[in-house]
C-alpha atoms as a PDB file:
ATOM      1  CA  MET A   1       2.559 -10.227 -21.233  1.00  0.00           C
ATOM      2  CA  ARG A   2       0.703 -11.439 -24.312  1.00  0.00           C
ATOM      3  CA  SER A   3      -2.326 -13.194 -22.841  1.00  0.00           C
ATOM      4  CA  ILE A   4      -5.220 -11.365 -21.229  1.00  0.00           C
ATOM      5  CA  PRO A   5      -4.895 -11.521 -17.414  1.00  0.00           C
ATOM      6  CA  ARG A   6      -7.775 -12.587 -15.218  1.00  0.00           C
ATOM      7  CA  LEU A   7      -6.856 -10.081 -12.533  1.00  0.00           C
ATOM      8  CA  ILE A   8      -5.087  -6.726 -12.459  1.00  0.00           C
ATOM      9  CA  ALA A   9      -3.626  -5.614  -9.130  1.00  0.00           C
ATOM     10  CA  THR A  10      -2.475  -2.027  -9.067  1.00  0.00           C
ATOM     11  CA  ASP A  11      -0.914   0.302  -6.565  1.00  0.00           C
ATOM     12  CA  LEU A  12      -2.582   3.711  -6.455  1.00  0.00           C
ATOM     13  CA  ASP A  13      -0.375   6.591  -5.335  1.00  0.00           C
ATOM     14  CA  HIS A  14       2.460   7.355  -7.779  1.00  0.00           C
ATOM     15  CA  THR A  15       1.372   4.415  -9.974  1.00  0.00           C
ATOM     16  CA  LEU A  16      -2.244   4.600 -11.125  1.00  0.00           C
ATOM     17  CA  LEU A  17      -2.919   8.091  -9.773  1.00  0.00           C
ATOM     18  CA  ASN A  18      -1.139  11.098 -11.193  1.00  0.00           C
ATOM     19  CA  SER A  19       0.964  13.463  -9.107  1.00  0.00           C
ATOM     20  CA  ASP A  20      -2.145  15.459  -8.197  1.00  0.00           C
ATOM     21  CA  GLY A  21      -3.775  12.323  -6.828  1.00  0.00           C
ATOM     22  CA  GLY A  22      -6.282  12.165  -9.651  1.00  0.00           C
ATOM     23  CA  VAL A  23      -7.277   9.716 -12.385  1.00  0.00           C
ATOM     24  CA  SER A  24      -7.174  10.791 -16.018  1.00  0.00           C
ATOM     25  CA  ALA A  25     -10.038  10.085 -18.388  1.00  0.00           C
ATOM     26  CA  ARG A  26      -7.748   7.801 -20.350  1.00  0.00           C
ATOM     27  CA  THR A  27      -6.855   5.746 -17.267  1.00  0.00           C
ATOM     28  CA  ARG A  28     -10.509   5.466 -16.216  1.00  0.00           C
ATOM     29  CA  GLU A  29     -11.460   4.332 -19.713  1.00  0.00           C
ATOM     30  CA  ALA A  30      -8.729   1.687 -19.647  1.00  0.00           C
ATOM     31  CA  LEU A  31      -9.909   0.386 -16.269  1.00  0.00           C
ATOM     32  CA  ASP A  32     -13.504   0.279 -17.510  1.00  0.00           C
ATOM     33  CA  ALA A  33     -12.385  -1.602 -20.618  1.00  0.00           C
ATOM     34  CA  ALA A  34     -10.563  -4.142 -18.468  1.00  0.00           C
ATOM     35  CA  THR A  35     -13.628  -4.676 -16.298  1.00  0.00           C
ATOM     36  CA  ALA A  36     -15.845  -5.006 -19.393  1.00  0.00           C
ATOM     37  CA  ALA A  37     -13.446  -7.678 -20.657  1.00  0.00           C
ATOM     38  CA  GLY A  38     -14.076  -9.697 -17.502  1.00  0.00           C
ATOM     39  CA  ILE A  39     -10.844  -8.773 -15.731  1.00  0.00           C
ATOM     40  CA  THR A  40     -11.028  -8.224 -11.975  1.00  0.00           C
ATOM     41  CA  VAL A  41      -9.332  -4.944 -11.054  1.00  0.00           C
ATOM     42  CA  VAL A  42      -8.005  -4.797  -7.487  1.00  0.00           C
ATOM     43  CA  PRO A  43      -6.453  -1.775  -5.761  1.00  0.00           C
ATOM     44  CA  ALA A  44      -3.415  -2.965  -3.799  1.00  0.00           C
ATOM     45  CA  THR A  45      -2.476  -0.059  -1.610  1.00  0.00           C
ATOM     46  CA  ALA A  46      -0.991   1.207   1.617  1.00  0.00           C
ATOM     47  CA  ARG A  47      -4.250   3.096   2.063  1.00  0.00           C
ATOM     48  CA  ASN A  48      -7.209   2.003   4.141  1.00  0.00           C
ATOM     49  CA  PRO A  49     -10.887   2.080   3.079  1.00  0.00           C
ATOM     50  CA  VAL A  50     -11.131   5.632   4.454  1.00  0.00           C
ATOM     51  CA  GLY A  51      -8.564   6.670   1.869  1.00  0.00           C
ATOM     52  CA  LEU A  52     -10.310   4.780  -0.941  1.00  0.00           C
ATOM     53  CA  ARG A  53     -13.855   6.061  -0.574  1.00  0.00           C
ATOM     54  CA  HIS A  54     -13.308   9.417  -2.240  1.00  0.00           C
ATOM     55  CA  LEU A  55     -11.711   7.647  -5.221  1.00  0.00           C
ATOM     56  CA  HIS A  56     -14.682   5.410  -5.972  1.00  0.00           C
ATOM     57  CA  PRO A  57     -16.455   7.909  -8.273  1.00  0.00           C
ATOM     58  CA  VAL A  58     -13.318   8.381 -10.387  1.00  0.00           C
ATOM     59  CA  LEU A  59     -11.938   4.820 -10.281  1.00  0.00           C
ATOM     60  CA  GLY A  60     -15.171   2.880 -10.618  1.00  0.00           C
ATOM     61  CA  VAL A  61     -13.644  -0.008  -8.648  1.00  0.00           C
ATOM     62  CA  ASP A  62     -16.085  -1.338  -6.069  1.00  0.00           C
ATOM     63  CA  ARG A  63     -15.139  -4.937  -5.328  1.00  0.00           C
ATOM     64  CA  TRP A  64     -12.083  -6.326  -3.548  1.00  0.00           C
ATOM     65  CA  ALA A  65      -9.219  -4.169  -2.302  1.00  0.00           C
ATOM     66  CA  LEU A  66      -5.967  -5.008  -0.534  1.00  0.00           C
ATOM     67  CA  CYS A  67      -5.258  -2.416   2.139  1.00  0.00           C
ATOM     68  CA  SER A  68      -2.451  -1.518   4.554  1.00  0.00           C
ATOM     69  CA  ASN A  69       0.143  -3.099   2.250  1.00  0.00           C
ATOM     70  CA  GLY A  70      -1.706  -6.418   2.206  1.00  0.00           C
ATOM     71  CA  ALA A  71      -2.501  -6.599   5.934  1.00  0.00           C
ATOM     72  CA  PHE A  72      -6.178  -7.046   5.124  1.00  0.00           C
ATOM     73  CA  GLY A  73      -8.492  -7.656   2.204  1.00  0.00           C
ATOM     74  CA  ILE A  74     -11.941  -6.099   2.132  1.00  0.00           C
ATOM     75  CA  HIS A  75     -14.879  -5.898  -0.274  1.00  0.00           C
ATOM     76  CA  LEU A  76     -15.499  -2.222  -0.921  1.00  0.00           C
ATOM     77  CA  THR A  77     -19.244  -2.652  -1.468  1.00  0.00           C
ATOM     78  CA  THR A  78     -20.323  -5.291   1.047  1.00  0.00           C
ATOM     79  CA  GLY A  79     -17.681  -4.591   3.678  1.00  0.00           C
ATOM     80  CA  GLU A  80     -16.812  -8.300   3.875  1.00  0.00           C
ATOM     81  CA  LEU A  81     -13.422  -8.783   5.491  1.00  0.00           C
ATOM     82  CA  LEU A  82     -11.667 -11.604   3.657  1.00  0.00           C
ATOM     83  CA  PHE A  83      -8.645 -11.681   5.966  1.00  0.00           C
ATOM     84  CA  ALA A  84      -6.783  -9.505   8.467  1.00  0.00           C
ATOM     85  CA  HIS A  85      -3.268 -10.056   9.804  1.00  0.00           C
ATOM     86  CA  GLU A  86      -2.380  -7.977  12.842  1.00  0.00           C
ATOM     87  CA  ILE A  87       0.884  -7.233  14.600  1.00  0.00           C
ATOM     88  CA  ALA A  88       0.672  -8.406  18.201  1.00  0.00           C
ATOM     89  CA  ALA A  89       0.743  -5.656  20.815  1.00  0.00           C
ATOM     90  CA  GLU A  90       3.861  -7.221  22.314  1.00  0.00           C
ATOM     91  CA  VAL A  91       5.717  -6.852  19.013  1.00  0.00           C
ATOM     92  CA  VAL A  92       4.559  -3.260  18.591  1.00  0.00           C
ATOM     93  CA  GLN A  93       5.683  -2.387  22.112  1.00  0.00           C
ATOM     94  CA  GLN A  94       9.103  -3.962  21.671  1.00  0.00           C
ATOM     95  CA  PHE A  95       9.600  -2.201  18.334  1.00  0.00           C
ATOM     96  CA  VAL A  96       8.663   1.197  19.749  1.00  0.00           C
ATOM     97  CA  THR A  97      10.785   0.773  22.886  1.00  0.00           C
ATOM     98  CA  VAL A  98      13.912  -0.025  20.896  1.00  0.00           C
ATOM     99  CA  LEU A  99      13.390   2.629  18.228  1.00  0.00           C
ATOM    100  CA  ASP A 100      12.567   5.324  20.795  1.00  0.00           C
ATOM    101  CA  ALA A 101      15.801   4.654  22.643  1.00  0.00           C
ATOM    102  CA  ALA A 102      17.807   4.920  19.427  1.00  0.00           C
ATOM    103  CA  VAL A 103      15.968   7.799  17.743  1.00  0.00           C
ATOM    104  CA  PRO A 104      14.364  10.330  20.121  1.00  0.00           C
ATOM    105  CA  GLY A 105      11.407  12.328  18.843  1.00  0.00           C
ATOM    106  CA  VAL A 106       9.663   9.668  16.752  1.00  0.00           C
ATOM    107  CA  ARG A 107       5.853   9.861  16.714  1.00  0.00           C
ATOM    108  CA  TYR A 108       3.612   6.845  16.127  1.00  0.00           C
ATOM    109  CA  ALA A 109       0.085   5.896  15.046  1.00  0.00           C
ATOM    110  CA  SER A 110      -1.653   2.536  14.769  1.00  0.00           C
ATOM    111  CA  VAL A 111      -4.333   1.372  12.335  1.00  0.00           C
ATOM    112  CA  ARG A 112      -7.035  -0.934  13.686  1.00  0.00           C
ATOM    113  CA  ASP A 113     -10.524  -2.291  12.973  1.00  0.00           C
ATOM    114  CA  ALA A 114     -10.318  -2.822   9.204  1.00  0.00           C
ATOM    115  CA  GLY A 115      -8.683   0.555   8.794  1.00  0.00           C
ATOM    116  CA  GLU A 116     -11.494   2.528  10.387  1.00  0.00           C
ATOM    117  CA  ARG A 117      -9.597   3.475  13.565  1.00  0.00           C
ATOM    118  CA  PHE A 118      -6.446   5.563  13.476  1.00  0.00           C
ATOM    119  CA  ILE A 119      -4.886   5.902  16.925  1.00  0.00           C
ATOM    120  CA  ALA A 120      -2.333   8.726  16.882  1.00  0.00           C
ATOM    121  CA  GLN A 121       0.202   9.580  19.548  1.00  0.00           C
ATOM    122  CA  GLU A 122       0.287  13.051  21.016  1.00  0.00           C
ATOM    123  CA  GLY A 123       2.237  15.228  18.582  1.00  0.00           C
ATOM    124  CA  TYR A 124       1.621  13.036  15.533  1.00  0.00           C
ATOM    125  CA  ALA A 125      -1.115  15.246  14.096  1.00  0.00           C
ATOM    126  CA  LYS A 126       1.217  18.264  14.093  1.00  0.00           C
ATOM    127  CA  LEU A 127       3.422  16.435  11.580  1.00  0.00           C
ATOM    128  CA  ALA A 128       0.571  15.271   9.338  1.00  0.00           C
ATOM    129  CA  THR A 129      -1.473  16.694   6.488  1.00  0.00           C
ATOM    130  CA  PHE A 130      -4.798  15.482   5.136  1.00  0.00           C
ATOM    131  CA  HIS A 131      -3.003  14.056   2.106  1.00  0.00           C
ATOM    132  CA  ASP A 132      -0.908  11.701   4.261  1.00  0.00           C
ATOM    133  CA  HIS A 133      -3.758   9.511   5.521  1.00  0.00           C
ATOM    134  CA  ARG A 134      -6.863  11.080   3.928  1.00  0.00           C
ATOM    135  CA  ARG A 135      -7.802  12.107   7.457  1.00  0.00           C
ATOM    136  CA  ASP A 136      -8.097  15.588   8.916  1.00  0.00           C
ATOM    137  CA  PRO A 137      -5.211  16.009  11.394  1.00  0.00           C
ATOM    138  CA  ALA A 138      -7.469  18.197  13.529  1.00  0.00           C
ATOM    139  CA  GLN A 139      -9.703  15.186  14.089  1.00  0.00           C
ATOM    140  CA  MET A 140      -6.904  12.753  14.891  1.00  0.00           C
ATOM    141  CA  THR A 141      -6.633  11.427  18.422  1.00  0.00           C
ATOM    142  CA  ALA A 142      -3.812  12.618  20.667  1.00  0.00           C
ATOM    143  CA  GLU A 143      -3.151   9.582  22.813  1.00  0.00           C
ATOM    144  CA  PRO A 144      -0.349   8.613  25.172  1.00  0.00           C
ATOM    145  CA  LEU A 145       2.117   6.221  23.588  1.00  0.00           C
ATOM    146  CA  ASP A 146       0.942   3.301  25.699  1.00  0.00           C
ATOM    147  CA  VAL A 147      -2.528   3.639  24.180  1.00  0.00           C
ATOM    148  CA  VAL A 148      -1.091   3.591  20.645  1.00  0.00           C
ATOM    149  CA  THR A 149       0.912   0.458  21.417  1.00  0.00           C
ATOM    150  CA  GLY A 150      -1.561  -1.169  23.793  1.00  0.00           C
ATOM    151  CA  ALA A 151      -3.405  -3.386  21.302  1.00  0.00           C
ATOM    152  CA  ALA A 152      -2.770  -5.406  18.163  1.00  0.00           C
ATOM    153  CA  ALA A 153      -2.691  -3.348  14.966  1.00  0.00           C
ATOM    154  CA  LEU A 154      -3.026  -3.921  11.261  1.00  0.00           C
ATOM    155  CA  LYS A 155      -0.274  -1.390  10.729  1.00  0.00           C
ATOM    156  CA  LEU A 156       2.013   0.802  12.806  1.00  0.00           C
ATOM    157  CA  VAL A 157       3.301   4.003  11.200  1.00  0.00           C
ATOM    158  CA  PHE A 158       5.998   6.294  12.505  1.00  0.00           C
ATOM    159  CA  ARG A 159       7.572   9.574  11.483  1.00  0.00           C
ATOM    160  CA  HIS A 160       9.856  12.360  12.707  1.00  0.00           C
ATOM    161  CA  ASP A 161       9.774  16.120  12.393  1.00  0.00           C
ATOM    162  CA  SER A 162      13.321  16.427  11.036  1.00  0.00           C
ATOM    163  CA  ILE A 163      14.223  12.984   9.658  1.00  0.00           C
ATOM    164  CA  THR A 164      12.832  11.881   6.301  1.00  0.00           C
ATOM    165  CA  SER A 165      10.956   8.609   5.971  1.00  0.00           C
ATOM    166  CA  ALA A 166      13.789   7.112   3.912  1.00  0.00           C
ATOM    167  CA  GLU A 167      16.362   8.090   6.557  1.00  0.00           C
ATOM    168  CA  LEU A 168      14.130   6.817   9.343  1.00  0.00           C
ATOM    169  CA  TYR A 169      13.638   3.536   7.519  1.00  0.00           C
ATOM    170  CA  ALA A 170      17.411   3.159   7.190  1.00  0.00           C
ATOM    171  CA  LEU A 171      17.898   3.837  10.901  1.00  0.00           C
ATOM    172  CA  ALA A 172      15.300   1.222  11.835  1.00  0.00           C
ATOM    173  CA  ARG A 173      16.787  -1.244   9.350  1.00  0.00           C
ATOM    174  CA  ASP A 174      20.179  -0.768  11.012  1.00  0.00           C
ATOM    175  CA  LEU A 175      18.595  -1.774  14.318  1.00  0.00           C
ATOM    176  CA  VAL A 176      17.411  -4.981  12.654  1.00  0.00           C
ATOM    177  CA  ASP A 177      20.801  -5.643  11.087  1.00  0.00           C
ATOM    178  CA  THR A 178      22.596  -5.199  14.411  1.00  0.00           C
ATOM    179  CA  GLY A 179      20.143  -7.444  16.253  1.00  0.00           C
ATOM    180  CA  SER A 180      18.571  -4.728  18.420  1.00  0.00           C
ATOM    181  CA  LEU A 181      15.242  -5.401  16.692  1.00  0.00           C
ATOM    182  CA  ASP A 182      14.065  -8.898  15.796  1.00  0.00           C
ATOM    183  CA  GLY A 183      13.199  -8.484  12.133  1.00  0.00           C
ATOM    184  CA  SER A 184      11.554 -11.913  11.986  1.00  0.00           C
ATOM    185  CA  ARG A 185       8.615 -10.559  13.994  1.00  0.00           C
ATOM    186  CA  PHE A 186       7.478  -7.822  11.587  1.00  0.00           C
ATOM    187  CA  GLU A 187       7.682  -6.418   8.075  1.00  0.00           C
ATOM    188  CA  MET A 188       8.754  -2.831   7.448  1.00  0.00           C
ATOM    189  CA  THR A 189       8.401  -0.869   4.237  1.00  0.00           C
ATOM    190  CA  LEU A 190       7.966   2.500   2.525  1.00  0.00           C
ATOM    191  CA  SER A 191       5.101   3.547   0.280  1.00  0.00           C
ATOM    192  CA  GLY A 192       6.304   6.975  -0.799  1.00  0.00           C
ATOM    193  CA  ALA A 193       4.455   8.614   2.096  1.00  0.00           C
ATOM    194  CA  PRO A 194       6.313  10.699   4.721  1.00  0.00           C
ATOM    195  CA  PHE A 195       6.285   7.880   7.272  1.00  0.00           C
ATOM    196  CA  VAL A 196       7.536   4.320   7.682  1.00  0.00           C
ATOM    197  CA  GLU A 197       5.045   1.429   7.829  1.00  0.00           C
ATOM    198  CA  VAL A 198       5.250  -1.752   9.910  1.00  0.00           C
ATOM    199  CA  MET A 199       3.042  -4.836   9.450  1.00  0.00           C
ATOM    200  CA  ALA A 200       2.911  -8.333  10.855  1.00  0.00           C
ATOM    201  CA  SER A 201       5.587 -10.825   9.838  1.00  0.00           C
ATOM    202  CA  GLY A 202       4.935 -12.258   6.383  1.00  0.00           C
ATOM    203  CA  VAL A 203       2.561  -9.486   5.348  1.00  0.00           C
ATOM    204  CA  SER A 204       3.060  -7.816   1.979  1.00  0.00           C
ATOM    205  CA  LYS A 205       0.959  -6.920  -1.001  1.00  0.00           C
ATOM    206  CA  ALA A 206       2.108 -10.244  -2.466  1.00  0.00           C
ATOM    207  CA  SER A 207       0.808 -12.247   0.506  1.00  0.00           C
ATOM    208  CA  GLY A 208      -2.515 -10.424   0.430  1.00  0.00           C
ATOM    209  CA  LEU A 209      -2.815 -10.894  -3.307  1.00  0.00           C
ATOM    210  CA  ALA A 210      -2.093 -14.618  -2.981  1.00  0.00           C
ATOM    211  CA  THR A 211      -4.881 -14.965  -0.414  1.00  0.00           C
ATOM    212  CA  LEU A 212      -7.367 -13.064  -2.564  1.00  0.00           C
ATOM    213  CA  CYS A 213      -6.426 -15.001  -5.691  1.00  0.00           C
ATOM    214  CA  ALA A 214      -6.935 -18.282  -3.852  1.00  0.00           C
ATOM    215  CA  ARG A 215     -10.442 -17.103  -2.962  1.00  0.00           C
ATOM    216  CA  LEU A 216     -11.153 -16.159  -6.583  1.00  0.00           C
ATOM    217  CA  GLY A 217      -9.506 -19.221  -8.124  1.00  0.00           C
ATOM    218  CA  VAL A 218      -6.914 -17.134  -9.962  1.00  0.00           C
ATOM    219  CA  HIS A 219      -3.357 -18.401 -10.471  1.00  0.00           C
ATOM    220  CA  ALA A 220      -0.348 -16.113 -10.078  1.00  0.00           C
ATOM    221  CA  SER A 221       0.416 -16.568 -13.772  1.00  0.00           C
ATOM    222  CA  GLU A 222      -2.960 -14.962 -14.558  1.00  0.00           C
ATOM    223  CA  VAL A 223      -2.174 -11.771 -12.637  1.00  0.00           C
ATOM    224  CA  LEU A 224      -0.874  -8.474 -13.990  1.00  0.00           C
ATOM    225  CA  ALA A 225       0.489  -6.143 -11.296  1.00  0.00           C
ATOM    226  CA  PHE A 226       1.563  -2.495 -11.357  1.00  0.00           C
ATOM    227  CA  GLY A 227       3.636  -0.588  -8.808  1.00  0.00           C
ATOM    228  CA  ASP A 228       6.286   1.991  -8.052  1.00  0.00           C
ATOM    229  CA  GLY A 229       7.387   1.758  -4.423  1.00  0.00           C
ATOM    230  CA  LEU A 230       9.301  -0.496  -2.088  1.00  0.00           C
ATOM    231  CA  ASN A 231       5.990  -1.868  -0.796  1.00  0.00           C
ATOM    232  CA  ASP A 232       5.141  -3.048  -4.349  1.00  0.00           C
ATOM    233  CA  ARG A 233       8.314  -5.027  -4.947  1.00  0.00           C
ATOM    234  CA  GLU A 234       7.114  -8.420  -3.665  1.00  0.00           C
ATOM    235  CA  MET A 235       3.818  -8.096  -5.525  1.00  0.00           C
ATOM    236  CA  LEU A 236       5.527  -7.471  -8.865  1.00  0.00           C
ATOM    237  CA  VAL A 237       7.739 -10.506  -8.307  1.00  0.00           C
ATOM    238  CA  TRP A 238       4.793 -12.739  -7.300  1.00  0.00           C
ATOM    239  CA  ALA A 239       2.515 -11.788 -10.184  1.00  0.00           C
ATOM    240  CA  GLY A 240       2.733 -13.507 -13.540  1.00  0.00           C
ATOM    241  CA  HIS A 241       3.706 -10.165 -15.042  1.00  0.00           C
ATOM    242  CA  GLY A 242       4.955  -7.263 -12.929  1.00  0.00           C
ATOM    243  CA  VAL A 243       5.048  -3.778 -14.423  1.00  0.00           C
ATOM    244  CA  ALA A 244       6.836  -0.805 -12.899  1.00  0.00           C
ATOM    245  CA  VAL A 245       6.004   2.743 -13.899  1.00  0.00           C
ATOM    246  CA  ALA A 246       8.981   4.802 -15.099  1.00  0.00           C
ATOM    247  CA  ASN A 247       9.019   6.850 -11.891  1.00  0.00           C
ATOM    248  CA  ALA A 248       9.391   3.728  -9.711  1.00  0.00           C
ATOM    249  CA  ASP A 249      12.140   3.206  -7.152  1.00  0.00           C
ATOM    250  CA  ALA A 250      15.303   1.597  -8.490  1.00  0.00           C
ATOM    251  CA  GLU A 251      14.670  -1.585  -6.482  1.00  0.00           C
ATOM    252  CA  VAL A 252      11.263  -1.941  -8.119  1.00  0.00           C
ATOM    253  CA  LEU A 253      12.533  -1.232 -11.622  1.00  0.00           C
ATOM    254  CA  ALA A 254      15.136  -3.958 -11.077  1.00  0.00           C
ATOM    255  CA  VAL A 255      12.576  -6.721 -10.452  1.00  0.00           C
ATOM    256  CA  ALA A 256       9.878  -5.685 -12.930  1.00  0.00           C
ATOM    257  CA  ASP A 257       9.156  -7.743 -16.025  1.00  0.00           C
ATOM    258  CA  GLU A 258       8.316  -4.546 -17.876  1.00  0.00           C
ATOM    259  CA  VAL A 259       8.673  -0.805 -17.401  1.00  0.00           C
ATOM    260  CA  THR A 260       5.931   1.445 -18.695  1.00  0.00           C
ATOM    261  CA  ALA A 261       5.538   5.210 -18.835  1.00  0.00           C
ATOM    262  CA  SER A 262       5.290   7.215 -15.617  1.00  0.00           C
ATOM    263  CA  ASN A 263       2.141   7.728 -13.589  1.00  0.00           C
ATOM    264  CA  ASP A 264       1.828  11.243 -15.036  1.00  0.00           C
ATOM    265  CA  ASP A 265       2.155   9.819 -18.552  1.00  0.00           C
ATOM    266  CA  GLU A 266      -0.626   7.234 -17.968  1.00  0.00           C
ATOM    267  CA  GLY A 267       1.688   4.224 -17.941  1.00  0.00           C
ATOM    268  CA  VAL A 268      -0.907   1.834 -16.499  1.00  0.00           C
ATOM    269  CA  ALA A 269      -3.452   2.785 -19.143  1.00  0.00           C
ATOM    270  CA  ARG A 270      -0.913   2.252 -21.924  1.00  0.00           C
ATOM    271  CA  VAL A 271      -0.237  -1.345 -20.851  1.00  0.00           C
ATOM    272  CA  ILE A 272      -3.937  -2.181 -20.513  1.00  0.00           C
ATOM    273  CA  GLU A 273      -4.684  -0.647 -23.905  1.00  0.00           C
ATOM    274  CA  ASP A 274      -1.954  -2.696 -25.542  1.00  0.00           C
ATOM    275  CA  LEU A 275      -3.247  -5.898 -23.943  1.00  0.00           C
ATOM    276  CA  LEU A 276      -6.838  -5.278 -24.996  1.00  0.00           C
ATOM    277  CA  GLY A 277      -5.931  -3.914 -28.419  1.00  0.00           C
ATOM    278  CA  LYS A 278      -7.714  -0.665 -27.707  1.00  0.00           C
ATOM    279  CA  THR A 279      -6.864   2.864 -28.715  1.00  0.00           C
ATOM    280  CA  VAL A 280      -8.078   5.651 -26.467  1.00  0.00           C
ATOM    281  CA  ALA A 281      -8.397   9.211 -27.695  1.00  0.00           C
ATOM    282  CA  ARG A 282      -5.406  11.233 -26.483  1.00  0.00           C
END
């Protein structure tokens, strides 16, 4: 990408953030330089605002964010909700009924109310750590399954105590492929976290980014996007220039316009520096 973008959309975990979940001084300086150049920097993440708040002091990003893999867009300072696309309770219930019959022992949680409410099934908290959702498992609810599935949700997450998220995703995808689950009614993805994520049909980081860009008057060709995981794939394809970090999944590397250094080698900062013609002290 030779021209200066008007908007940078970046995934956080395993892309912008290093393996410790932090932001290097070099990356922060690159983000600040982009903002000073008039570029809008937008986190596009599987996280919810709860998981973004502690990053504000180190990221310095305080305007729009795309959360829950593009299920909703929110202004981090004013709290304005630009859009929110929920999965209907009926779809959640059908999904859970079919998956439970095929894979015993799955535990579920639903995200509601602009990411502020996290409704966890009994037993879910025992499988979770603070790092997973930026929430203390000891403070998670322990609700019957019908409470978890009893209302529309921005996102449904599910996990298992002995099956990895990648294996669980494959099992659920098989249910779609065989017709047991109607895949036209939802989107399912992985973000690198130890659980699988389900959103409403048509929802992705790309769809959320398109909605936000329409609001800001930014064309896809004016967008630079960064990512690493399966949930970033559509966004990198949609953006005028999609960049995968070196540690990205193979499916993401395959669709990227460019591959930069890994998240631990400050790949995002390197691309921004090259675009702005800046050299940051190493």
